[in-house]
C-alpha atoms as a PDB file:
ATOM      1  CA  MET A   1      49.599  55.648  10.469  1.00  0.00           C
ATOM      2  CA  ASN A   2      52.414  55.704  12.894  1.00  0.00           C
ATOM      3  CA  ALA A   3      55.546  53.529  13.019  1.00  0.00           C
ATOM      4  CA  PRO A   4      54.515  51.075  15.738  1.00  0.00           C
ATOM      5  CA  THR A   5      51.246  50.281  13.870  1.00  0.00           C
ATOM      6  CA  ILE A   6      53.186  49.670  10.634  1.00  0.00           C
ATOM      7  CA  ILE A   7      55.728  47.456  12.451  1.00  0.00           C
ATOM      8  CA  ALA A   8      52.981  45.374  14.180  1.00  0.00           C
ATOM      9  CA  ALA A   9      51.167  44.979  10.836  1.00  0.00           C
ATOM     10  CA  LEU A  10      54.394  43.743   9.220  1.00  0.00           C
ATOM     11  CA  ILE A  11      55.064  41.313  11.977  1.00  0.00           C
ATOM     12  CA  VAL A  12      51.513  39.846  11.558  1.00  0.00           C
ATOM     13  CA  LEU A  13      51.935  39.819   7.787  1.00  0.00           C
ATOM     14  CA  VAL A  14      55.271  37.950   7.990  1.00  0.00           C
ATOM     15  CA  ALA A  15      53.864  35.377  10.451  1.00  0.00           C
ATOM     16  CA  PHE A  16      50.886  34.757   8.148  1.00  0.00           C
ATOM     17  CA  VAL A  17      53.072  34.358   5.089  1.00  0.00           C
ATOM     18  CA  ALA A  18      55.389  31.974   7.001  1.00  0.00           C
ATOM     19  CA  ILE A  19      52.456  29.798   8.210  1.00  0.00           C
ATOM     20  CA  VAL A  20      50.945  29.596   4.630  1.00  0.00           C
ATOM     21  CA  GLY A  21      54.330  29.044   3.045  1.00  0.00           C
ATOM     22  CA  LYS A  22      55.056  26.187   5.471  1.00  0.00           C
ATOM     23  CA  GLY A  23      51.705  24.603   4.658  1.00  0.00           C
ATOM     24  CA  ILE A  24      52.357  24.818   0.945  1.00  0.00           C
ATOM     25  CA  TYR A  25      55.908  23.346   1.427  1.00  0.00           C
ATOM     26  CA  ASN A  26      54.423  20.493   3.496  1.00  0.00           C
ATOM     27  CA  ARG A  27      51.722  19.648   1.033  1.00  0.00           C
ATOM     28  CA  ARG A  28      54.242  19.674  -1.980  1.00  0.00           C
ATOM     29  CA  HIS A  29      56.598  17.362  -0.024  1.00  0.00           C
ATOM     30  CA  GLY A  30      53.866  14.861   1.025  1.00  0.00           C
ATOM     31  CA  LYS A  31      53.708  15.936   4.677  1.00  0.00           C
ATOM     32  CA  GLY A  32      49.986  16.414   4.912  1.00  0.00           C
ATOM     33  CA  GLY A  33      47.923  16.861   7.989  1.00  0.00           C
ATOM     34  CA  CYS A  34      46.560  13.297   8.115  1.00  0.00           C
ATOM     35  CA  SER A  35      46.657  12.053  11.602  1.00  0.00           C
ATOM     36  CA  CYS A  36      46.580   8.403  10.723  1.00  0.00           C
ATOM     37  CA  GLY A  37      49.841   8.508   8.741  1.00  0.00           C
ATOM     38  CA  GLY A  38      48.281   6.375   6.055  1.00  0.00           C
ATOM     39  CA  ASP A  39      47.410   3.614   8.468  1.00  0.00           C
ATOM     40  CA  CYS A  40      43.691   3.510   7.929  1.00  0.00           C
ATOM     41  CA  GLY A  41      43.009   0.896  10.603  1.00  0.00           C
ATOM     42  CA  ALA A  42      44.320   3.277  13.281  1.00  0.00           C
ATOM     43  CA  CYS A  43      42.012   6.158  12.349  1.00  0.00           C
ATOM     44  CA  GLY A  44      38.618   4.585  12.862  1.00  0.00           C
ATOM     45  CA  GLY A  45      37.235   5.470   9.432  1.00  0.00           C
ATOM     46  CA  GLY A  46      37.024   9.209  10.086  1.00  0.00           C
ATOM     47  CA  CYS A  47      40.314  10.493   8.707  1.00  0.00           C
ATOM     48  CA  HIS A  48      41.160  11.767   5.274  1.00  0.00           C
ATOM     49  CA  CYS A  49      44.446  12.604   3.476  1.00  0.00           C
ATOM     50  CA  GLY A  50      44.133  15.358   0.948  1.00  0.00           C
ATOM     51  CA  ASP A  51      41.524  14.186  -1.598  1.00  0.00           C
ATOM     52  CA  THR A  52      41.719  10.526  -0.646  1.00  0.00           C
ATOM     53  CA  ARG A  53      39.315   9.298   2.017  1.00  0.00           C
ATOM     54  CA  HIS A  54      40.187   6.223   4.031  1.00  0.00           C
ATOM     55  CA  SER A  55      37.602   3.818   5.383  1.00  0.00           C
END
């Protein structure tokens, strides 16, 4: 392997770790990916937050 290949692989690895780390941080601090924001009436019954499903 040559230097440019190693550098590119490291950049991709750092980006991947940063994305996963940010996801873990958000989940631990209660900033999940629920689009309804806990307001179940606004999501039309199709959203879910973590393990809790809203209706």
